[in-house]
Amino acid sequence: MGARYVPALASRAHYNFMLSSTSADHIGSYRRGAVEFVGILGQSLREAGRGWRDIKSCLEIGCGYGRIVRELRREIPPSCISVSDIIDEGARFTAAEFGVRRVPVVEAMGSEYDGSFDLI
């Protein structure tokens, strides 16, 4: 169905299996899942004796069309987030929509990428 502006999300969202309509129930579920996931990441960081401020470079593998990145930007600046997905259309949409960096899928990175990430 493609991307459309969703007022309740204050941005565009790509309609797919994660968000199949703009009904309040679907949007609520879409956001809750992402918020919960980012919360789990935050808890994991705390258990490791770290916090969001310690993350200077984050890679979201399997970013799809940005559901997690949409919420992750509340904790980490977009300039610190890289995304990758085997469905390159999703990674391109996420990078363009949320101002993050798209990197090749891990299998295609090879020796061309010599960076590291604080959180994957």
PDB file of N, CA and C in Angstrom:
ATOM      1  N   MET A   1       0.815  -1.195   0.000  1.00  0.00           N
ATOM      2  CA  MET A   1       0.000   0.000   0.000  1.00  0.00           C
ATOM      3  C   MET A   1       0.857   1.257   0.000  1.00  0.00           C
ATOM      4  N   GLY A   2       2.114   1.150   0.353  1.00  0.00           N
ATOM      5  CA  GLY A   2       2.993   2.302   0.311  1.00  0.00           C
ATOM      6  C   GLY A   2       2.947   3.142   1.570  1.00  0.00           C
ATOM      7  N   ALA A   3       3.718   4.216   1.542  1.00  0.00           N
ATOM      8  CA  ALA A   3       3.817   5.112   2.699  1.00  0.00           C
ATOM      9  C   ALA A   3       2.793   6.231   2.605  1.00  0.00           C
ATOM     10  N   ARG A   4       2.228   6.556   3.756  1.00  0.00           N
ATOM     11  CA  ARG A   4       1.270   7.660   3.854  1.00  0.00           C
ATOM     12  C   ARG A   4       1.496   8.379   5.162  1.00  0.00           C
ATOM     13  N   TYR A   5       1.166   9.661   5.193  1.00  0.00           N
ATOM     14  CA  TYR A   5       1.258  10.431   6.424  1.00  0.00           C
ATOM     15  C   TYR A   5       0.178   9.934   7.386  1.00  0.00           C
ATOM     16  N   VAL A   6       0.576   9.660   8.606  1.00  0.00           N
ATOM     17  CA  VAL A   6      -0.349   9.187   9.642  1.00  0.00           C
ATOM     18  C   VAL A   6      -0.327  10.220  10.766  1.00  0.00           C
ATOM     19  N   PRO A   7      -1.372  11.030  10.886  1.00  0.00           N
ATOM     20  CA  PRO A   7      -1.380  12.093  11.902  1.00  0.00           C
ATOM     21  C   PRO A   7      -1.069  11.600  13.316  1.00  0.00           C
ATOM     22  N   ALA A   8      -1.587  10.459  13.700  1.00  0.00           N
ATOM     23  CA  ALA A   8      -1.360   9.955  15.054  1.00  0.00           C
ATOM     24  C   ALA A   8       0.110   9.612  15.312  1.00  0.00           C
ATOM     25  N   LEU A   9       0.883   9.399  14.251  1.00  0.00           N
ATOM     26  CA  LEU A   9       2.309   9.119  14.378  1.00  0.00           C
ATOM     27  C   LEU A   9       3.153  10.348  14.056  1.00  0.00           C
ATOM     28  N   ALA A  10       2.521  11.393  13.573  1.00  0.00           N
ATOM     29  CA  ALA A  10       3.184  12.647  13.195  1.00  0.00           C
ATOM     30  C   ALA A  10       4.282  12.437  12.154  1.00  0.00           C
ATOM     31  N   SER A  11       4.098  11.443  11.315  1.00  0.00           N
ATOM     32  CA  SER A  11       5.038  11.182  10.223  1.00  0.00           C
ATOM     33  C   SER A  11       4.401  10.179   9.268  1.00  0.00           C
ATOM     34  N   ARG A  12       5.160   9.861   8.234  1.00  0.00           N
ATOM     35  CA  ARG A  12       4.676   8.841   7.310  1.00  0.00           C
ATOM     36  C   ARG A  12       4.957   7.463   7.887  1.00  0.00           C
ATOM     37  N   ALA A  13       4.127   6.528   7.528  1.00  0.00           N
ATOM     38  CA  ALA A  13       4.340   5.125   7.882  1.00  0.00           C
ATOM     39  C   ALA A  13       4.097   4.305   6.635  1.00  0.00           C
ATOM     40  N   HIS A  14       4.838   3.260   6.499  1.00  0.00           N
ATOM     41  CA  HIS A  14       4.685   2.369   5.362  1.00  0.00           C
ATOM     42  C   HIS A  14       3.707   1.287   5.755  1.00  0.00           C
ATOM     43  N   TYR A  15       2.629   1.183   5.039  1.00  0.00           N
ATOM     44  CA  TYR A  15       1.608   0.182   5.353  1.00  0.00           C
ATOM     45  C   TYR A  15       2.122  -1.191   4.954  1.00  0.00           C
ATOM     46  N   ASN A  16       2.157  -2.080   5.912  1.00  0.00           N
ATOM     47  CA  ASN A  16       2.577  -3.453   5.675  1.00  0.00           C
ATOM     48  C   ASN A  16       2.006  -4.313   6.795  1.00  0.00           C
ATOM     49  N   PHE A  17       2.568  -5.474   7.028  1.00  0.00           N
ATOM     50  CA  PHE A  17       2.003  -6.353   8.052  1.00  0.00           C
ATOM     51  C   PHE A  17       2.110  -5.769   9.458  1.00  0.00           C
ATOM     52  N   MET A  18       3.016  -4.815   9.693  1.00  0.00           N
ATOM     53  CA  MET A  18       3.131  -4.191  11.017  1.00  0.00           C
ATOM     54  C   MET A  18       2.052  -3.140  11.244  1.00  0.00           C
ATOM     55  N   LEU A  19       1.667  -2.459  10.195  1.00  0.00           N
ATOM     56  CA  LEU A  19       0.623  -1.438  10.287  1.00  0.00           C
ATOM     57  C   LEU A  19      -0.270  -1.591   9.064  1.00  0.00           C
ATOM     58  N   SER A  20      -1.421  -2.182   9.278  1.00  0.00           N
ATOM     59  CA  SER A  20      -2.293  -2.473   8.142  1.00  0.00           C
ATOM     60  C   SER A  20      -3.431  -1.473   7.983  1.00  0.00           C
ATOM     61  N   SER A  21      -3.593  -0.573   8.961  1.00  0.00           N
ATOM     62  CA  SER A  21      -4.620   0.462   8.837  1.00  0.00           C
ATOM     63  C   SER A  21      -4.294   1.597   9.806  1.00  0.00           C
ATOM     64  N   THR A  22      -5.048   2.672   9.714  1.00  0.00           N
ATOM     65  CA  THR A  22      -4.831   3.799  10.630  1.00  0.00           C
ATOM     66  C   THR A  22      -5.893   3.828  11.734  1.00  0.00           C
ATOM     67  N   SER A  23      -6.523   2.697  11.984  1.00  0.00           N
ATOM     68  CA  SER A  23      -7.482   2.652  13.086  1.00  0.00           C
ATOM     69  C   SER A  23      -6.722   2.858  14.398  1.00  0.00           C
ATOM     70  N   ALA A  24      -7.388   3.394  15.378  1.00  0.00           N
ATOM     71  CA  ALA A  24      -6.753   3.663  16.676  1.00  0.00           C
ATOM     72  C   ALA A  24      -6.158   2.387  17.272  1.00  0.00           C
ATOM     73  N   ASP A  25      -6.847   1.263  17.125  1.00  0.00           N
ATOM     74  CA  ASP A  25      -6.348  -0.003  17.656  1.00  0.00           C
ATOM     75  C   ASP A  25      -5.043  -0.423  16.978  1.00  0.00           C
ATOM     76  N   HIS A  26      -4.998  -0.330  15.649  1.00  0.00           N
ATOM     77  CA  HIS A  26      -3.790  -0.731  14.923  1.00  0.00           C
ATOM     78  C   HIS A  26      -2.621   0.187  15.249  1.00  0.00           C
ATOM     79  N   ILE A  27      -2.865   1.481  15.273  1.00  0.00           N
ATOM     80  CA  ILE A  27      -1.788   2.425  15.578  1.00  0.00           C
ATOM     81  C   ILE A  27      -1.315   2.228  17.020  1.00  0.00           C
ATOM     82  N   GLY A  28      -2.234   2.021  17.928  1.00  0.00           N
ATOM     83  CA  GLY A  28      -1.860   1.782  19.325  1.00  0.00           C
ATOM     84  C   GLY A  28      -0.986   0.549  19.462  1.00  0.00           C
ATOM     85  N   SER A  29      -1.357  -0.529  18.810  1.00  0.00           N
ATOM     86  CA  SER A  29      -0.585  -1.761  18.857  1.00  0.00           C
ATOM     87  C   SER A  29       0.788  -1.570  18.207  1.00  0.00           C
ATOM     88  N   TYR A  30       0.811  -0.892  17.082  1.00  0.00           N
ATOM     89  CA  TYR A  30       2.046  -0.598  16.347  1.00  0.00           C
ATOM     90  C   TYR A  30       3.026   0.152  17.252  1.00  0.00           C
ATOM     91  N   ARG A  31       2.564   1.186  17.909  1.00  0.00           N
ATOM     92  CA  ARG A  31       3.427   1.994  18.782  1.00  0.00           C
ATOM     93  C   ARG A  31       3.808   1.238  20.051  1.00  0.00           C
ATOM     94  N   ARG A  32       2.846   0.571  20.674  1.00  0.00           N
ATOM     95  CA  ARG A  32       3.129  -0.150  21.922  1.00  0.00           C
ATOM     96  C   ARG A  32       4.256  -1.163  21.735  1.00  0.00           C
ATOM     97  N   GLY A  33       4.182  -1.907  20.653  1.00  0.00           N
ATOM     98  CA  GLY A  33       5.222  -2.908  20.398  1.00  0.00           C
ATOM     99  C   GLY A  33       6.599  -2.277  20.274  1.00  0.00           C
ATOM    100  N   ALA A  34       6.678  -1.158  19.588  1.00  0.00           N
ATOM    101  CA  ALA A  34       7.962  -0.476  19.407  1.00  0.00           C
ATOM    102  C   ALA A  34       8.450   0.132  20.721  1.00  0.00           C
ATOM    103  N   VAL A  35       7.552   0.774  21.455  1.00  0.00           N
ATOM    104  CA  VAL A  35       7.917   1.380  22.737  1.00  0.00           C
ATOM    105  C   VAL A  35       8.399   0.299  23.705  1.00  0.00           C
ATOM    106  N   GLU A  36       7.703  -0.828  23.733  1.00  0.00           N
ATOM    107  CA  GLU A  36       8.108  -1.930  24.613  1.00  0.00           C
ATOM    108  C   GLU A  36       9.481  -2.466  24.234  1.00  0.00           C
ATOM    109  N   PHE A  37       9.727  -2.594  22.943  1.00  0.00           N
ATOM    110  CA  PHE A  37      11.021  -3.107  22.490  1.00  0.00           C
ATOM    111  C   PHE A  37      12.148  -2.159  22.875  1.00  0.00           C
ATOM    112  N   VAL A  38      11.958  -0.867  22.668  1.00  0.00           N
ATOM    113  CA  VAL A  38      12.975   0.119  23.050  1.00  0.00           C
ATOM    114  C   VAL A  38      13.159   0.097  24.571  1.00  0.00           C
ATOM    115  N   GLY A  39      12.084  -0.110  25.309  1.00  0.00           N
ATOM    116  CA  GLY A  39      12.190  -0.241  26.759  1.00  0.00           C
ATOM    117  C   GLY A  39      13.031  -1.438  27.171  1.00  0.00           C
ATOM    118  N   ILE A  40      12.863  -2.547  26.478  1.00  0.00           N
ATOM    119  CA  ILE A  40      13.670  -3.740  26.755  1.00  0.00           C
ATOM    120  C   ILE A  40      15.138  -3.456  26.466  1.00  0.00           C
ATOM    121  N   LEU A  41      15.418  -2.747  25.383  1.00  0.00           N
ATOM    122  CA  LEU A  41      16.802  -2.377  25.084  1.00  0.00           C
ATOM    123  C   LEU A  41      17.377  -1.512  26.206  1.00  0.00           C
ATOM    124  N   GLY A  42      16.603  -0.536  26.663  1.00  0.00           N
ATOM    125  CA  GLY A  42      17.048   0.335  27.756  1.00  0.00           C
ATOM    126  C   GLY A  42      17.329  -0.459  29.022  1.00  0.00           C
ATOM    127  N   GLN A  43      16.458  -1.398  29.339  1.00  0.00           N
ATOM    128  CA  GLN A  43      16.654  -2.252  30.520  1.00  0.00           C
ATOM    129  C   GLN A  43      17.918  -3.084  30.361  1.00  0.00           C
ATOM    130  N   SER A  44      18.149  -3.615  29.187  1.00  0.00           N
ATOM    131  CA  SER A  44      19.356  -4.404  28.931  1.00  0.00           C
ATOM    132  C   SER A  44      20.605  -3.553  29.109  1.00  0.00           C
ATOM    133  N   LEU A  45      20.548  -2.326  28.635  1.00  0.00           N
ATOM    134  CA  LEU A  45      21.684  -1.416  28.827  1.00  0.00           C
ATOM    135  C   LEU A  45      21.939  -1.178  30.316  1.00  0.00           C
ATOM    136  N   ARG A  46      20.886  -0.910  31.066  1.00  0.00           N
ATOM    137  CA  ARG A  46      21.041  -0.671  32.506  1.00  0.00           C
ATOM    138  C   ARG A  46      21.630  -1.893  33.208  1.00  0.00           C
ATOM    139  N   GLU A  47      21.168  -3.074  32.832  1.00  0.00           N
ATOM    140  CA  GLU A  47      21.695  -4.303  33.439  1.00  0.00           C
ATOM    141  C   GLU A  47      23.167  -4.509  33.109  1.00  0.00           C
ATOM    142  N   ALA A  48      23.607  -3.933  32.001  1.00  0.00           N
ATOM    143  CA  ALA A  48      25.016  -4.017  31.612  1.00  0.00           C
ATOM    144  C   ALA A  48      25.823  -2.848  32.181  1.00  0.00           C
ATOM    145  N   GLY A  49      25.177  -2.019  33.002  1.00  0.00           N
ATOM    146  CA  GLY A  49      25.869  -0.885  33.606  1.00  0.00           C
ATOM    147  C   GLY A  49      26.077   0.275  32.661  1.00  0.00           C
ATOM    148  N   ARG A  50      25.238   0.355  31.638  1.00  0.00           N
ATOM    149  CA  ARG A  50      25.341   1.414  30.638  1.00  0.00           C
ATOM    150  C   ARG A  50      23.999   2.109  30.510  1.00  0.00           C
ATOM    151  N   GLY A  51      23.980   3.152  29.723  1.00  0.00           N
ATOM    152  CA  GLY A  51      22.742   3.880  29.473  1.00  0.00           C
ATOM    153  C   GLY A  51      22.708   4.384  28.048  1.00  0.00           C
ATOM    154  N   TRP A  52      21.610   5.004  27.685  1.00  0.00           N
ATOM    155  CA  TRP A  52      21.447   5.516  26.323  1.00  0.00           C
ATOM    156  C   TRP A  52      22.550   6.503  25.958  1.00  0.00           C
ATOM    157  N   ARG A  53      23.029   7.282  26.917  1.00  0.00           N
ATOM    158  CA  ARG A  53      24.087   8.265  26.638  1.00  0.00           C
ATOM    159  C   ARG A  53      25.394   7.617  26.213  1.00  0.00           C
ATOM    160  N   ASP A  54      25.558   6.346  26.560  1.00  0.00           N
ATOM    161  CA  ASP A  54      26.777   5.622  26.186  1.00  0.00           C
ATOM    162  C   ASP A  54      26.762   5.160  24.736  1.00  0.00           C
ATOM    163  N   ILE A  55      25.610   5.207  24.100  1.00  0.00           N
ATOM    164  CA  ILE A  55      25.468   4.684  22.738  1.00  0.00           C
ATOM    165  C   ILE A  55      25.777   5.793  21.729  1.00  0.00           C
ATOM    166  N   LYS A  56      26.889   5.621  21.050  1.00  0.00           N
ATOM    167  CA  LYS A  56      27.297   6.585  20.020  1.00  0.00           C
ATOM    168  C   LYS A  56      27.035   6.060  18.617  1.00  0.00           C
ATOM    169  N   SER A  57      26.833   4.736  18.514  1.00  0.00           N
ATOM    170  CA  SER A  57      26.601   4.117  17.214  1.00  0.00           C
ATOM    171  C   SER A  57      25.744   2.867  17.411  1.00  0.00           C
ATOM    172  N   CYS A  58      24.580   2.871  16.793  1.00  0.00           N
ATOM    173  CA  CYS A  58      23.621   1.776  16.937  1.00  0.00           C
ATOM    174  C   CYS A  58      23.248   1.249  15.562  1.00  0.00           C
ATOM    175  N   LEU A  59      23.203  -0.063  15.421  1.00  0.00           N
ATOM    176  CA  LEU A  59      22.777  -0.692  14.177  1.00  0.00           C
ATOM    177  C   LEU A  59      21.488  -1.448  14.432  1.00  0.00           C
ATOM    178  N   GLU A  60      20.472  -1.110  13.674  1.00  0.00           N
ATOM    179  CA  GLU A  60      19.216  -1.855  13.748  1.00  0.00           C
ATOM    180  C   GLU A  60      19.132  -2.752  12.526  1.00  0.00           C
ATOM    181  N   ILE A  61      19.372  -4.046  12.749  1.00  0.00           N
ATOM    182  CA  ILE A  61      19.330  -5.029  11.665  1.00  0.00           C
ATOM    183  C   ILE A  61      17.901  -5.523  11.530  1.00  0.00           C
ATOM    184  N   GLY A  62      17.427  -5.586  10.312  1.00  0.00           N
ATOM    185  CA  GLY A  62      16.039  -5.985  10.085  1.00  0.00           C
ATOM    186  C   GLY A  62      15.103  -4.843  10.416  1.00  0.00           C
ATOM    187  N   CYS A  63      15.480  -3.644  10.003  1.00  0.00           N
ATOM    188  CA  CYS A  63      14.738  -2.430  10.368  1.00  0.00           C
ATOM    189  C   CYS A  63      13.358  -2.349   9.734  1.00  0.00           C
ATOM    190  N   GLY A  64      13.125  -3.163   8.722  1.00  0.00           N
ATOM    191  CA  GLY A  64      11.825  -3.074   8.046  1.00  0.00           C
ATOM    192  C   GLY A  64      11.561  -1.660   7.577  1.00  0.00           C
ATOM    193  N   TYR A  65      10.396  -1.142   7.921  1.00  0.00           N
ATOM    194  CA  TYR A  65      10.017   0.208   7.507  1.00  0.00           C
ATOM    195  C   TYR A  65      10.042   1.192   8.675  1.00  0.00           C
ATOM    196  N   GLY A  66      10.859   0.891   9.698  1.00  0.00           N
ATOM    197  CA  GLY A  66      11.174   1.870  10.713  1.00  0.00           C
ATOM    198  C   GLY A  66      10.341   1.916  11.973  1.00  0.00           C
ATOM    199  N   ARG A  67       9.568   0.910  12.260  1.00  0.00           N
ATOM    200  CA  ARG A  67       8.725   0.947  13.453  1.00  0.00           C
ATOM    201  C   ARG A  67       9.557   1.145  14.722  1.00  0.00           C
ATOM    202  N   ILE A  68      10.642   0.416  14.873  1.00  0.00           N
ATOM    203  CA  ILE A  68      11.492   0.536  16.062  1.00  0.00           C
ATOM    204  C   ILE A  68      12.284   1.842  16.009  1.00  0.00           C
ATOM    205  N   VAL A  69      12.825   2.171  14.860  1.00  0.00           N
ATOM    206  CA  VAL A  69      13.628   3.400  14.716  1.00  0.00           C
ATOM    207  C   VAL A  69      12.798   4.627  15.064  1.00  0.00           C
ATOM    208  N   ARG A  70      11.538   4.619  14.711  1.00  0.00           N
ATOM    209  CA  ARG A  70      10.632   5.741  15.036  1.00  0.00           C
ATOM    210  C   ARG A  70      10.692   6.052  16.531  1.00  0.00           C
ATOM    211  N   GLU A  71      10.722   5.038  17.369  1.00  0.00           N
ATOM    212  CA  GLU A  71      10.764   5.217  18.819  1.00  0.00           C
ATOM    213  C   GLU A  71      12.200   5.336  19.337  1.00  0.00           C
ATOM    214  N   LEU A  72      13.128   4.629  18.718  1.00  0.00           N
ATOM    215  CA  LEU A  72      14.520   4.655  19.145  1.00  0.00           C
ATOM    216  C   LEU A  72      15.110   6.064  19.062  1.00  0.00           C
ATOM    217  N   ARG A  73      14.626   6.861  18.129  1.00  0.00           N
ATOM    218  CA  ARG A  73      15.113   8.245  17.972  1.00  0.00           C
ATOM    219  C   ARG A  73      14.826   9.093  19.201  1.00  0.00           C
ATOM    220  N   ARG A  74      13.938   8.657  20.040  1.00  0.00           N
ATOM    221  CA  ARG A  74      13.656   9.396  21.290  1.00  0.00           C
ATOM    222  C   ARG A  74      14.790   9.205  22.300  1.00  0.00           C
ATOM    223  N   GLU A  75      15.587   8.155  22.115  1.00  0.00           N
ATOM    224  CA  GLU A  75      16.675   7.830  23.036  1.00  0.00           C
ATOM    225  C   GLU A  75      18.057   8.127  22.456  1.00  0.00           C
ATOM    226  N   ILE A  76      18.197   7.960  21.154  1.00  0.00           N
ATOM    227  CA  ILE A  76      19.478   8.126  20.469  1.00  0.00           C
ATOM    228  C   ILE A  76      19.276   9.092  19.303  1.00  0.00           C
ATOM    229  N   PRO A  77      20.173  10.047  19.117  1.00  0.00           N
ATOM    230  CA  PRO A  77      20.029  10.940  17.961  1.00  0.00           C
ATOM    231  C   PRO A  77      20.057  10.140  16.649  1.00  0.00           C
ATOM    232  N   PRO A  78      19.261  10.528  15.677  1.00  0.00           N
ATOM    233  CA  PRO A  78      19.249   9.812  14.396  1.00  0.00           C
ATOM    234  C   PRO A  78      20.636   9.682  13.770  1.00  0.00           C
ATOM    235  N   SER A  79      21.498  10.661  13.992  1.00  0.00           N
ATOM    236  CA  SER A  79      22.846  10.602  13.421  1.00  0.00           C
ATOM    237  C   SER A  79      23.665   9.442  13.976  1.00  0.00           C
ATOM    238  N   CYS A  80      23.232   8.846  15.065  1.00  0.00           N
ATOM    239  CA  CYS A  80      23.935   7.716  15.683  1.00  0.00           C
ATOM    240  C   CYS A  80      23.341   6.369  15.285  1.00  0.00           C
ATOM    241  N   ILE A  81      22.283   6.379  14.480  1.00  0.00           N
ATOM    242  CA  ILE A  81      21.568   5.148  14.133  1.00  0.00           C
ATOM    243  C   ILE A  81      21.850   4.762  12.686  1.00  0.00           C
ATOM    244  N   SER A  82      22.214   3.503  12.493  1.00  0.00           N
ATOM    245  CA  SER A  82      22.344   2.920  11.158  1.00  0.00           C
ATOM    246  C   SER A  82      21.305   1.817  11.038  1.00  0.00           C
ATOM    247  N   VAL A  83      20.809   1.623   9.838  1.00  0.00           N
ATOM    248  CA  VAL A  83      19.791   0.600   9.609  1.00  0.00           C
ATOM    249  C   VAL A  83      20.182  -0.291   8.445  1.00  0.00           C
ATOM    250  N   SER A  84      19.660  -1.508   8.495  1.00  0.00           N
ATOM    251  CA  SER A  84      19.924  -2.477   7.445  1.00  0.00           C
ATOM    252  C   SER A  84      18.750  -3.441   7.382  1.00  0.00           C
ATOM    253  N   ASP A  85      18.438  -3.884   6.183  1.00  0.00           N
ATOM    254  CA  ASP A  85      17.391  -4.890   6.020  1.00  0.00           C
ATOM    255  C   ASP A  85      17.605  -5.592   4.696  1.00  0.00           C
ATOM    256  N   ILE A  86      17.322  -6.862   4.669  1.00  0.00           N
ATOM    257  CA  ILE A  86      17.423  -7.630   3.434  1.00  0.00           C
ATOM    258  C   ILE A  86      16.448  -7.067   2.393  1.00  0.00           C
ATOM    259  N   ILE A  87      15.351  -6.461   2.876  1.00  0.00           N
ATOM    260  CA  ILE A  87      14.418  -5.762   1.985  1.00  0.00           C
ATOM    261  C   ILE A  87      14.914  -4.321   1.891  1.00  0.00           C
ATOM    262  N   ASP A  88      15.738  -4.063   0.882  1.00  0.00           N
ATOM    263  CA  ASP A  88      16.410  -2.770   0.792  1.00  0.00           C
ATOM    264  C   ASP A  88      15.426  -1.603   0.715  1.00  0.00           C
ATOM    265  N   GLU A  89      14.265  -1.826   0.135  1.00  0.00           N
ATOM    266  CA  GLU A  89      13.243  -0.771   0.075  1.00  0.00           C
ATOM    267  C   GLU A  89      12.892  -0.282   1.477  1.00  0.00           C
ATOM    268  N   GLY A  90      12.794  -1.199   2.429  1.00  0.00           N
ATOM    269  CA  GLY A  90      12.489  -0.836   3.807  1.00  0.00           C
ATOM    270  C   GLY A  90      13.604  -0.013   4.422  1.00  0.00           C
ATOM    271  N   ALA A  91      14.845  -0.443   4.233  1.00  0.00           N
ATOM    272  CA  ALA A  91      15.985   0.295   4.789  1.00  0.00           C
ATOM    273  C   ALA A  91      16.089   1.677   4.155  1.00  0.00           C
ATOM    274  N   ARG A  92      15.846   1.774   2.860  1.00  0.00           N
ATOM    275  CA  ARG A  92      15.896   3.080   2.187  1.00  0.00           C
ATOM    276  C   ARG A  92      14.790   4.005   2.721  1.00  0.00           C
ATOM    277  N   PHE A  93      13.593   3.480   2.888  1.00  0.00           N
ATOM    278  CA  PHE A  93      12.494   4.272   3.431  1.00  0.00           C
ATOM    279  C   PHE A  93      12.838   4.756   4.839  1.00  0.00           C
ATOM    280  N   THR A  94      13.311   3.847   5.682  1.00  0.00           N
ATOM    281  CA  THR A  94      13.632   4.187   7.072  1.00  0.00           C
ATOM    282  C   THR A  94      14.712   5.259   7.126  1.00  0.00           C
ATOM    283  N   ALA A  95      15.756   5.109   6.331  1.00  0.00           N
ATOM    284  CA  ALA A  95      16.838   6.095   6.320  1.00  0.00           C
ATOM    285  C   ALA A  95      16.327   7.458   5.866  1.00  0.00           C
ATOM    286  N   ALA A  96      15.550   7.477   4.798  1.00  0.00           N
ATOM    287  CA  ALA A  96      15.038   8.748   4.270  1.00  0.00           C
ATOM    288  C   ALA A  96      14.025   9.390   5.206  1.00  0.00           C
ATOM    289  N   GLU A  97      13.162   8.594   5.787  1.00  0.00           N
ATOM    290  CA  GLU A  97      12.077   9.109   6.614  1.00  0.00           C
ATOM    291  C   GLU A  97      12.557   9.609   7.977  1.00  0.00           C
ATOM    292  N   PHE A  98      13.554   8.947   8.549  1.00  0.00           N
ATOM    293  CA  PHE A  98      13.944   9.257   9.918  1.00  0.00           C
ATOM    294  C   PHE A  98      15.345   9.840  10.057  1.00  0.00           C
ATOM    295  N   GLY A  99      16.003  10.108   8.939  1.00  0.00           N
ATOM    296  CA  GLY A  99      17.303  10.765   8.989  1.00  0.00           C
ATOM    297  C   GLY A  99      18.413   9.919   9.572  1.00  0.00           C
ATOM    298  N   VAL A 100      18.305   8.605   9.398  1.00  0.00           N
ATOM    299  CA  VAL A 100      19.340   7.691   9.864  1.00  0.00           C
ATOM    300  C   VAL A 100      20.151   7.227   8.666  1.00  0.00           C
ATOM    301  N   ARG A 101      21.186   6.461   8.908  1.00  0.00           N
ATOM    302  CA  ARG A 101      22.074   6.016   7.832  1.00  0.00           C
ATOM    303  C   ARG A 101      21.779   4.577   7.461  1.00  0.00           C
ATOM    304  N   ARG A 102      21.678   4.317   6.172  1.00  0.00           N
ATOM    305  CA  ARG A 102      21.476   2.948   5.680  1.00  0.00           C
ATOM    306  C   ARG A 102      22.838   2.338   5.395  1.00  0.00           C
ATOM    307  N   VAL A 103      23.026   1.114   5.861  1.00  0.00           N
ATOM    308  CA  VAL A 103      24.241   0.366   5.556  1.00  0.00           C
ATOM    309  C   VAL A 103      23.836  -0.929   4.862  1.00  0.00           C
ATOM    310  N   PRO A 104      24.760  -1.529   4.113  1.00  0.00           N
ATOM    311  CA  PRO A 104      24.417  -2.788   3.431  1.00  0.00           C
ATOM    312  C   PRO A 104      24.094  -3.883   4.443  1.00  0.00           C
ATOM    313  N   VAL A 105      23.349  -4.881   3.996  1.00  0.00           N
ATOM    314  CA  VAL A 105      23.080  -6.013   4.880  1.00  0.00           C
ATOM    315  C   VAL A 105      24.408  -6.625   5.301  1.00  0.00           C
ATOM    316  N   VAL A 106      24.430  -7.224   6.460  1.00  0.00           N
ATOM    317  CA  VAL A 106      25.661  -7.735   7.051  1.00  0.00           C
ATOM    318  C   VAL A 106      26.411  -8.640   6.074  1.00  0.00           C
ATOM    319  N   GLU A 107      25.703  -9.523   5.393  1.00  0.00           N
ATOM    320  CA  GLU A 107      26.348 -10.454   4.464  1.00  0.00           C
ATOM    321  C   GLU A 107      27.057  -9.722   3.325  1.00  0.00           C
ATOM    322  N   ALA A 108      26.605  -8.512   2.994  1.00  0.00           N
ATOM    323  CA  ALA A 108      27.203  -7.761   1.888  1.00  0.00           C
ATOM    324  C   ALA A 108      28.249  -6.752   2.361  1.00  0.00           C
ATOM    325  N   MET A 109      28.366  -6.552   3.671  1.00  0.00           N
ATOM    326  CA  MET A 109      29.330  -5.573   4.184  1.00  0.00           C
ATOM    327  C   MET A 109      30.759  -5.975   3.855  1.00  0.00           C
ATOM    328  N   GLY A 110      31.079  -7.223   4.086  1.00  0.00           N
ATOM    329  CA  GLY A 110      32.435  -7.693   3.825  1.00  0.00           C
ATOM    330  C   GLY A 110      33.465  -6.801   4.479  1.00  0.00           C
ATOM    331  N   SER A 111      34.550  -6.593   3.810  1.00  0.00           N
ATOM    332  CA  SER A 111      35.632  -5.775   4.359  1.00  0.00           C
ATOM    333  C   SER A 111      35.438  -4.298   4.062  1.00  0.00           C
ATOM    334  N   GLU A 112      34.381  -3.938   3.324  1.00  0.00           N
ATOM    335  CA  GLU A 112      34.181  -2.528   2.986  1.00  0.00           C
ATOM    336  C   GLU A 112      33.755  -1.695   4.185  1.00  0.00           C
ATOM    337  N   TYR A 113      33.244  -2.333   5.243  1.00  0.00           N
ATOM    338  CA  TYR A 113      32.827  -1.592   6.429  1.00  0.00           C
ATOM    339  C   TYR A 113      33.764  -1.930   7.568  1.00  0.00           C
ATOM    340  N   ASP A 114      34.443  -0.934   8.079  1.00  0.00           N
ATOM    341  CA  ASP A 114      35.396  -1.186   9.154  1.00  0.00           C
ATOM    342  C   ASP A 114      34.976  -0.503  10.455  1.00  0.00           C
ATOM    343  N   GLY A 115      33.724  -0.113  10.559  1.00  0.00           N
ATOM    344  CA  GLY A 115      33.234   0.550  11.743  1.00  0.00           C
ATOM    345  C   GLY A 115      32.805  -0.431  12.817  1.00  0.00           C
ATOM    346  N   SER A 116      32.362   0.109  13.917  1.00  0.00           N
ATOM    347  CA  SER A 116      31.845  -0.723  14.990  1.00  0.00           C
ATOM    348  C   SER A 116      30.595  -0.070  15.553  1.00  0.00           C
ATOM    349  N   PHE A 117      29.845  -0.815  16.337  1.00  0.00           N
ATOM    350  CA  PHE A 117      28.600  -0.322  16.918  1.00  0.00           C
ATOM    351  C   PHE A 117      28.601  -0.597  18.411  1.00  0.00           C
ATOM    352  N   ASP A 118      28.039   0.334  19.162  1.00  0.00           N
ATOM    353  CA  ASP A 118      27.895   0.151  20.605  1.00  0.00           C
ATOM    354  C   ASP A 118      26.685  -0.719  20.934  1.00  0.00           C
ATOM    355  N   LEU A 119      25.716  -0.726  20.035  1.00  0.00           N
ATOM    356  CA  LEU A 119      24.490  -1.492  20.247  1.00  0.00           C
ATOM    357  C   LEU A 119      24.006  -2.014  18.911  1.00  0.00           C
ATOM    358  N   ILE A 120      23.733  -3.299  18.856  1.00  0.00           N
ATOM    359  CA  ILE A 120      23.194  -3.887  17.628  1.00  0.00           C
ATOM    360  C   ILE A 120      21.892  -4.562  17.995  1.00  0.00           C
TER     361      ILE A 120
END
